[in-house]
N, C-alpha and C. Protein backbone atom coordinates (compact mmCIF):
# COMPACT_ATOMS: atom_id res chain seq x y z
N UNK A 1 164.26 53.22 153.02
CA UNK A 1 164.12 53.03 154.45
C UNK A 1 165.38 53.57 155.12
N UNK A 2 165.18 54.38 156.12
CA UNK A 2 166.30 54.99 156.84
C UNK A 2 166.63 54.20 158.10
N UNK A 3 167.77 54.50 158.68
CA UNK A 3 168.22 53.82 159.89
C UNK A 3 167.21 53.98 161.01
N UNK A 4 166.67 55.17 161.14
CA UNK A 4 165.69 55.42 162.21
C UNK A 4 164.45 54.55 162.04
N UNK A 5 164.04 54.33 160.79
CA UNK A 5 162.87 53.47 160.53
C UNK A 5 163.13 52.04 160.99
N UNK A 6 164.33 51.55 160.68
CA UNK A 6 164.69 50.18 161.08
C UNK A 6 164.76 50.08 162.60
N UNK A 7 165.39 51.06 163.22
CA UNK A 7 165.51 51.07 164.68
C UNK A 7 164.14 51.09 165.35
N UNK A 8 163.25 51.94 164.83
CA UNK A 8 161.89 52.01 165.40
C UNK A 8 161.15 50.69 165.24
N UNK A 9 161.30 50.06 164.07
CA UNK A 9 160.64 48.78 163.82
C UNK A 9 161.15 47.71 164.78
N UNK A 10 162.47 47.67 164.97
CA UNK A 10 163.05 46.69 165.89
C UNK A 10 162.61 46.95 167.33
N UNK A 11 162.55 48.21 167.72
CA UNK A 11 162.09 48.54 169.07
C UNK A 11 160.64 48.10 169.29
N UNK A 12 159.79 48.30 168.28
CA UNK A 12 158.40 47.86 168.38
C UNK A 12 158.31 46.34 168.49
N UNK A 13 159.13 45.64 167.70
CA UNK A 13 159.11 44.18 167.73
C UNK A 13 159.59 43.66 169.08
N UNK A 14 160.63 44.27 169.63
CA UNK A 14 161.13 43.87 170.95
C UNK A 14 160.08 44.10 172.03
N UNK A 15 159.41 45.24 171.96
CA UNK A 15 158.38 45.55 172.96
C UNK A 15 157.23 44.55 172.85
N UNK A 16 156.83 44.20 171.65
CA UNK A 16 155.72 43.27 171.45
C UNK A 16 156.07 41.86 171.90
N UNK A 17 157.35 41.49 171.76
CA UNK A 17 157.77 40.13 172.12
C UNK A 17 158.04 39.97 173.61
N UNK A 18 158.27 41.08 174.29
CA UNK A 18 158.58 41.02 175.71
C UNK A 18 160.07 40.84 175.98
N UNK A 19 160.88 40.78 174.95
CA UNK A 19 162.33 40.66 175.12
C UNK A 19 162.92 42.03 175.40
N UNK A 20 163.99 42.04 176.18
CA UNK A 20 164.64 43.32 176.43
C UNK A 20 166.05 43.37 175.84
N UNK A 21 166.53 42.25 175.33
CA UNK A 21 167.85 42.20 174.72
C UNK A 21 167.78 41.40 173.43
N UNK A 22 168.72 41.69 172.54
CA UNK A 22 168.83 40.95 171.29
C UNK A 22 170.23 40.38 171.22
N UNK A 23 170.33 39.09 170.96
CA UNK A 23 171.63 38.45 170.82
C UNK A 23 171.97 38.42 169.34
N UNK A 24 173.08 39.04 168.98
CA UNK A 24 173.51 39.11 167.59
C UNK A 24 174.69 38.18 167.40
N UNK A 25 174.57 37.28 166.44
CA UNK A 25 175.68 36.39 166.11
C UNK A 25 176.27 36.85 164.79
N UNK A 26 177.54 37.25 164.84
CA UNK A 26 178.21 37.68 163.62
C UNK A 26 178.77 36.46 162.90
N UNK A 27 178.45 36.38 161.62
CA UNK A 27 178.94 35.26 160.82
C UNK A 27 180.29 35.63 160.22
N UNK A 28 181.16 34.65 160.05
CA UNK A 28 182.44 34.94 159.41
C UNK A 28 182.21 35.39 157.97
N UNK A 29 183.01 36.33 157.53
CA UNK A 29 182.89 36.84 156.17
C UNK A 29 183.66 35.96 155.22
N UNK A 30 183.15 35.80 154.05
CA UNK A 30 183.80 35.01 153.02
C UNK A 30 184.73 35.87 152.19
N UNK A 31 185.76 35.26 151.63
CA UNK A 31 186.68 35.99 150.78
C UNK A 31 185.93 36.61 149.60
N UNK A 32 184.93 35.91 149.09
CA UNK A 32 184.17 36.43 147.95
C UNK A 32 183.43 37.71 148.33
N UNK A 33 183.06 37.88 149.59
CA UNK A 33 182.42 39.12 150.03
C UNK A 33 183.37 40.30 149.86
N UNK A 34 184.65 40.08 150.13
CA UNK A 34 185.64 41.14 150.00
C UNK A 34 185.84 41.52 148.54
N UNK A 35 185.82 40.54 147.64
CA UNK A 35 185.99 40.81 146.22
C UNK A 35 184.82 41.65 145.72
N UNK A 36 183.61 41.28 146.09
CA UNK A 36 182.44 42.04 145.67
C UNK A 36 182.50 43.46 146.21
N UNK A 37 182.92 43.62 147.43
CA UNK A 37 183.02 44.95 148.03
C UNK A 37 184.06 45.78 147.28
N UNK A 38 185.18 45.19 146.92
CA UNK A 38 186.22 45.90 146.19
C UNK A 38 185.71 46.35 144.83
N UNK A 39 184.94 45.50 144.16
CA UNK A 39 184.40 45.87 142.85
C UNK A 39 183.40 47.00 142.98
N UNK A 40 182.59 46.98 144.03
CA UNK A 40 181.61 48.04 144.24
C UNK A 40 182.31 49.37 144.52
N UNK A 41 183.48 49.31 145.14
CA UNK A 41 184.20 50.54 145.47
C UNK A 41 185.11 51.00 144.33
N UNK A 42 185.04 50.33 143.18
CA UNK A 42 185.81 50.74 142.02
C UNK A 42 187.22 50.19 141.99
N UNK A 43 187.57 49.30 142.89
CA UNK A 43 188.92 48.76 142.90
C UNK A 43 189.09 47.64 141.89
N UNK A 44 188.06 46.85 141.69
CA UNK A 44 188.09 45.79 140.69
C UNK A 44 188.94 44.61 141.09
N UNK A 45 188.91 43.60 140.24
CA UNK A 45 189.63 42.36 140.51
C UNK A 45 191.14 42.52 140.37
N UNK A 46 191.61 43.42 139.51
CA UNK A 46 193.05 43.58 139.32
C UNK A 46 193.73 43.98 140.62
N UNK A 47 193.15 44.93 141.31
CA UNK A 47 193.73 45.39 142.56
C UNK A 47 193.73 44.28 143.60
N UNK A 48 192.63 43.53 143.68
CA UNK A 48 192.55 42.43 144.63
C UNK A 48 193.58 41.36 144.28
N UNK A 49 193.72 41.05 142.99
CA UNK A 49 194.67 40.03 142.55
C UNK A 49 196.10 40.47 142.89
N UNK A 50 196.41 41.73 142.68
CA UNK A 50 197.75 42.23 142.98
C UNK A 50 198.05 42.12 144.47
N UNK A 51 197.07 42.43 145.31
CA UNK A 51 197.28 42.30 146.76
C UNK A 51 197.48 40.85 147.14
N UNK A 52 196.74 39.97 146.49
CA UNK A 52 196.84 38.55 146.81
C UNK A 52 198.24 38.03 146.49
N UNK A 53 198.79 38.43 145.33
CA UNK A 53 200.12 37.98 144.95
C UNK A 53 201.19 38.60 145.85
N UNK A 54 201.02 39.85 146.21
CA UNK A 54 201.99 40.51 147.08
C UNK A 54 201.99 39.86 148.46
N UNK A 55 200.81 39.47 148.94
CA UNK A 55 200.70 38.84 150.25
C UNK A 55 201.32 37.44 150.23
N UNK A 56 201.18 36.74 149.12
CA UNK A 56 201.67 35.37 149.02
C UNK A 56 203.19 35.33 148.90
N UNK A 57 203.80 36.41 148.46
CA UNK A 57 205.25 36.42 148.21
C UNK A 57 206.06 36.48 149.46
């Protein structure tokens, strides 16, 4: 599914509901989300751990 597909689907849903605006509430991110993201990007836990110790010092 591409971005355009999602946008089109949301536009259709908004038109069907009669709403003209969407209120988006951003949730706070968890520290564990950052660790998972680092692992996906190839940084791994070692890099995260090193940053954590450097920040704490």
